[in-house]
Protein backbone atom coordinates (compact mmCIF):
# COMPACT_ATOMS: atom_id res chain seq x y z
CA MET A 1 67.62 -44.90 1.16
CA LYS A 2 70.89 -47.03 1.37
CA GLN A 3 72.81 -45.03 -0.45
CA ILE A 4 72.52 -41.87 1.16
CA LEU A 5 73.28 -43.43 4.52
CA ILE A 6 76.60 -44.40 2.58
CA ILE A 7 77.09 -40.79 0.83
CA ILE A 8 76.38 -39.56 4.06
CA THR A 9 79.13 -41.75 6.10
CA LEU A 10 81.73 -41.10 3.97
CA ALA A 11 81.50 -37.33 4.07
CA ILE A 12 81.49 -36.88 7.26
CA LEU A 13 84.43 -39.48 8.06
CA LEU A 14 86.48 -37.55 5.31
CA MET A 15 85.35 -34.02 7.37
CA THR A 16 86.47 -36.03 10.88
CA ALA A 17 89.30 -37.59 9.04
CA CYS A 18 90.52 -34.09 7.83
CA ASN A 19 89.82 -32.16 10.83
CA ASN A 20 91.66 -35.32 12.94
CA ASN A 21 94.65 -33.98 10.31
CA SER A 22 93.96 -30.10 10.79
CA ASN A 23 97.88 -29.09 10.79
CA THR A 24 98.61 -30.56 7.71
CA LYS A 25 97.74 -28.36 4.52
CA GLN A 26 95.68 -30.68 2.21
CA ASP A 27 92.59 -29.39 -0.03
CA PRO A 28 90.02 -30.05 0.78
CA THR A 29 87.96 -32.69 0.06
CA LEU A 30 84.82 -31.84 0.18
CA PRO A 31 83.09 -29.11 -1.92
CA PHE A 32 81.50 -25.65 -0.53
CA TYR A 33 78.08 -24.75 -1.15
CA ASN A 34 78.36 -20.95 -1.39
CA SER A 35 74.85 -20.68 -3.01
CA VAL A 36 70.93 -21.52 -3.53
CA ASP A 37 71.97 -22.76 -6.81
CA TYR A 38 73.79 -26.28 -5.21
CA THR A 39 77.48 -25.42 -7.27
CA PRO A 40 80.04 -27.33 -5.51
CA GLU A 41 83.27 -24.77 -5.05
CA TRP A 42 86.66 -26.89 -4.13
CA ILE A 43 88.10 -23.81 -2.60
CA THR A 44 91.40 -24.33 -0.77
CA PRO A 45 92.73 -22.38 2.25
CA ALA A 46 95.19 -20.72 0.05
CA ASP A 47 92.13 -19.18 -2.38
CA PRO A 48 91.48 -15.29 -1.72
CA ASN A 49 87.94 -16.32 -1.45
CA TYR A 50 88.70 -18.96 1.27
CA ALA A 51 87.94 -16.33 4.20
CA ASP A 52 84.41 -15.51 2.42
CA ILE A 53 82.70 -19.27 2.22
CA HIS A 54 79.52 -19.03 3.52
CA GLN A 55 78.41 -19.79 6.75
CA VAL A 56 74.98 -20.84 8.29
CA ALA A 57 73.90 -17.85 10.15
CA SER A 58 73.79 -17.51 13.92
CA PHE A 59 70.27 -18.85 15.19
CA GLU A 60 68.53 -20.28 18.85
CA PHE A 61 65.67 -22.94 18.95
CA THR A 62 63.76 -24.82 21.49
CA ASP A 63 64.63 -28.61 21.42
CA HIS A 64 61.73 -31.44 21.71
CA ARG A 65 63.14 -31.46 25.53
CA GLY A 66 61.85 -27.42 26.13
CA LYS A 67 66.10 -26.39 26.22
CA LYS A 68 67.44 -23.70 24.25
CA PHE A 69 69.80 -25.02 21.53
CA ASN A 70 71.95 -22.26 18.97
CA ASN A 71 74.95 -22.30 17.20
CA GLN A 72 76.94 -22.94 20.08
CA SER A 73 75.35 -25.82 21.04
CA LEU A 74 77.28 -27.07 17.74
CA SER A 75 80.28 -25.79 18.66
CA ASP A 76 83.21 -28.25 17.55
CA LYS A 77 80.42 -30.32 15.34
CA ILE A 78 79.90 -31.68 11.97
CA TYR A 79 75.90 -31.99 11.64
CA VAL A 80 73.29 -32.96 9.63
CA ALA A 81 70.25 -30.37 9.02
CA ASP A 82 66.82 -31.24 8.01
CA PHE A 83 63.30 -29.78 7.75
CA PHE A 84 60.21 -31.90 8.11
CA PHE A 85 56.72 -31.54 10.22
CA THR A 86 55.45 -34.47 12.50
CA SER A 87 52.02 -34.16 10.73
CA CYS A 88 53.65 -34.81 7.46
CA PRO A 89 52.21 -37.83 5.51
CA SER A 90 54.71 -38.33 2.31
CA ILE A 91 58.12 -37.72 2.60
CA CYS A 92 58.59 -36.74 6.02
CA PRO A 93 58.35 -40.60 7.58
CA LYS A 94 61.32 -41.40 4.89
CA LEU A 95 63.54 -38.48 5.78
CA THR A 96 63.03 -39.56 9.52
CA LEU A 97 63.67 -43.22 8.99
CA SER A 98 66.91 -42.25 6.56
CA MET A 99 67.92 -39.30 9.92
CA GLU A 100 67.52 -42.56 12.44
CA LYS A 101 69.99 -44.77 10.09
CA ILE A 102 72.45 -42.12 10.65
CA GLN A 103 71.57 -41.44 14.44
CA THR A 104 72.80 -45.71 14.58
CA GLU A 105 75.74 -45.32 12.67
CA PHE A 106 77.25 -42.06 14.30
CA LEU A 107 75.68 -42.82 17.83
CA ASP A 108 79.12 -42.91 19.70
CA GLU A 109 80.95 -40.11 17.26
CA ASN A 110 80.61 -36.82 19.91
CA ASP A 111 81.52 -34.35 17.11
CA VAL A 112 78.40 -35.69 14.88
CA GLN A 113 75.34 -33.82 16.04
CA LEU A 114 71.79 -34.62 13.41
CA ILE A 115 69.22 -31.71 13.89
CA SER A 116 65.84 -31.92 12.32
CA HIS A 117 63.55 -28.29 12.52
CA THR A 118 60.13 -28.38 12.14
CA VAL A 119 58.28 -26.15 9.48
CA MET A 120 55.13 -25.85 11.03
CA PRO A 121 56.21 -24.09 14.26
CA TRP A 122 52.32 -23.49 14.99
CA LYS A 123 51.58 -27.21 15.27
CA ASP A 124 54.67 -29.13 16.28
CA SER A 125 55.00 -27.50 20.09
CA VAL A 126 57.63 -28.77 22.38
CA SER A 127 54.87 -31.34 23.66
CA VAL A 128 54.17 -32.75 20.23
CA LEU A 129 58.18 -32.81 18.73
CA ASN A 130 58.97 -34.57 22.49
CA GLN A 131 55.85 -37.12 21.63
CA TYR A 132 57.58 -37.80 18.14
CA ALA A 133 60.69 -37.59 19.32
CA ASP A 134 59.68 -41.30 21.50
CA ASN A 135 58.11 -42.39 18.82
CA MET A 136 61.33 -42.43 16.31
CA ASP A 137 63.37 -43.69 18.64
CA VAL A 138 65.75 -40.11 18.23
CA ASN A 139 68.51 -40.28 20.71
CA TYR A 140 68.63 -37.07 22.41
CA ASP A 141 72.32 -36.41 22.90
CA LYS A 142 72.79 -37.46 18.87
CA TRP A 143 69.54 -35.99 17.16
CA LYS A 144 67.59 -32.69 18.29
CA LEU A 145 64.09 -31.71 16.66
CA LEU A 146 64.02 -27.99 17.37
CA THR A 147 60.92 -25.75 17.38
CA GLY A 148 60.73 -21.55 16.97
CA PRO A 149 59.47 -18.71 15.33
CA GLU A 150 58.49 -19.74 11.80
CA GLU A 151 59.82 -16.46 10.29
CA GLU A 152 62.89 -17.79 11.63
CA ILE A 153 63.24 -21.01 10.81
CA TYR A 154 62.15 -20.70 7.21
CA GLU A 155 64.67 -17.61 6.59
CA LEU A 156 67.22 -19.58 8.20
CA ALA A 157 66.43 -22.70 6.07
CA ARG A 158 66.13 -20.67 2.65
CA GLU A 159 68.87 -17.66 3.09
CA SER A 160 71.49 -20.05 5.43
CA TYR A 161 70.88 -23.56 4.85
CA PHE A 162 69.37 -23.38 0.91
CA ALA A 163 67.21 -26.10 2.25
CA ASP A 164 64.19 -24.88 -0.57
CA GLU A 165 64.94 -25.44 -4.20
CA GLN A 166 62.12 -23.15 -5.31
CA PHE A 167 62.79 -20.27 -3.48
CA GLY A 168 65.67 -19.10 -4.97
CA PHE A 169 64.40 -18.88 -7.77
CA THR A 170 60.69 -17.85 -6.77
CA SER A 171 61.66 -15.48 -4.12
CA ASP A 172 58.43 -15.91 -2.33
CA LYS A 173 58.69 -16.13 1.35
CA SER A 174 55.00 -16.86 1.83
CA ASP A 175 55.57 -20.32 0.28
CA PHE A 176 54.99 -23.40 2.30
CA LEU A 177 58.54 -24.92 2.77
CA HIS A 178 58.61 -28.40 2.02
CA THR A 179 61.96 -29.98 1.05
CA ASP A 180 63.65 -33.54 1.07
CA LYS A 181 67.18 -31.85 1.78
CA PHE A 182 69.90 -32.82 3.86
CA ILE A 183 72.24 -30.67 4.55
CA LEU A 184 75.90 -31.28 5.98
CA VAL A 185 77.69 -28.95 7.78
CA ASP A 186 81.08 -28.44 8.70
CA LYS A 187 82.77 -27.32 12.29
CA LYS A 188 83.41 -24.24 11.06
CA ARG A 189 79.26 -23.36 9.95
CA ARG A 190 79.85 -24.05 6.40
CA ILE A 191 77.86 -26.28 4.25
CA ARG A 192 79.79 -29.26 2.66
CA GLY A 193 77.31 -31.68 1.54
CA ILE A 194 73.32 -30.82 0.37
CA TYR A 195 71.62 -34.73 -0.43
CA THR A 196 68.31 -36.03 -1.18
CA GLY A 197 66.94 -37.61 2.38
CA LEU A 198 65.06 -40.13 0.05
């Protein structure tokens, strides 16, 4: 777990440094991820494919306090996203602990946000998520637990975040989504890192 924190911390710091030096035309220090096969691509602004870099689709969900949360809420933010459910007995508690460590590390960084999408919205209501957030010391300003329509969450996870490694190969939308992936997204909604949260 310490390794994942170090890797994500370094990646976010690199992105923050690059954003702070946006007037310079440096090569990107982190790759872009444009497909479900997780192949990293180093694409510079001079590359003709630069304008076609994959972006996370627009979305609108409800956070654990019942407020609307969408991609506009992440405007000018670097963020880490994951997928979990509150009654999960296996990997989700470990993922939550890893997110909590990232929260602590970046608590005072205004341009860094954490979001966790439930993959069981039929069970994880706003009140259930809010209780879970209280139990897990989720700082509301830094980390949002999100719920919404199951189909929209699963589509976003699989087609925008590439979070479900099985889906790209089985193409079965009915499969339950259970992934250990943390997805690092830059301020332009482009995926810059995919890590195991374990």
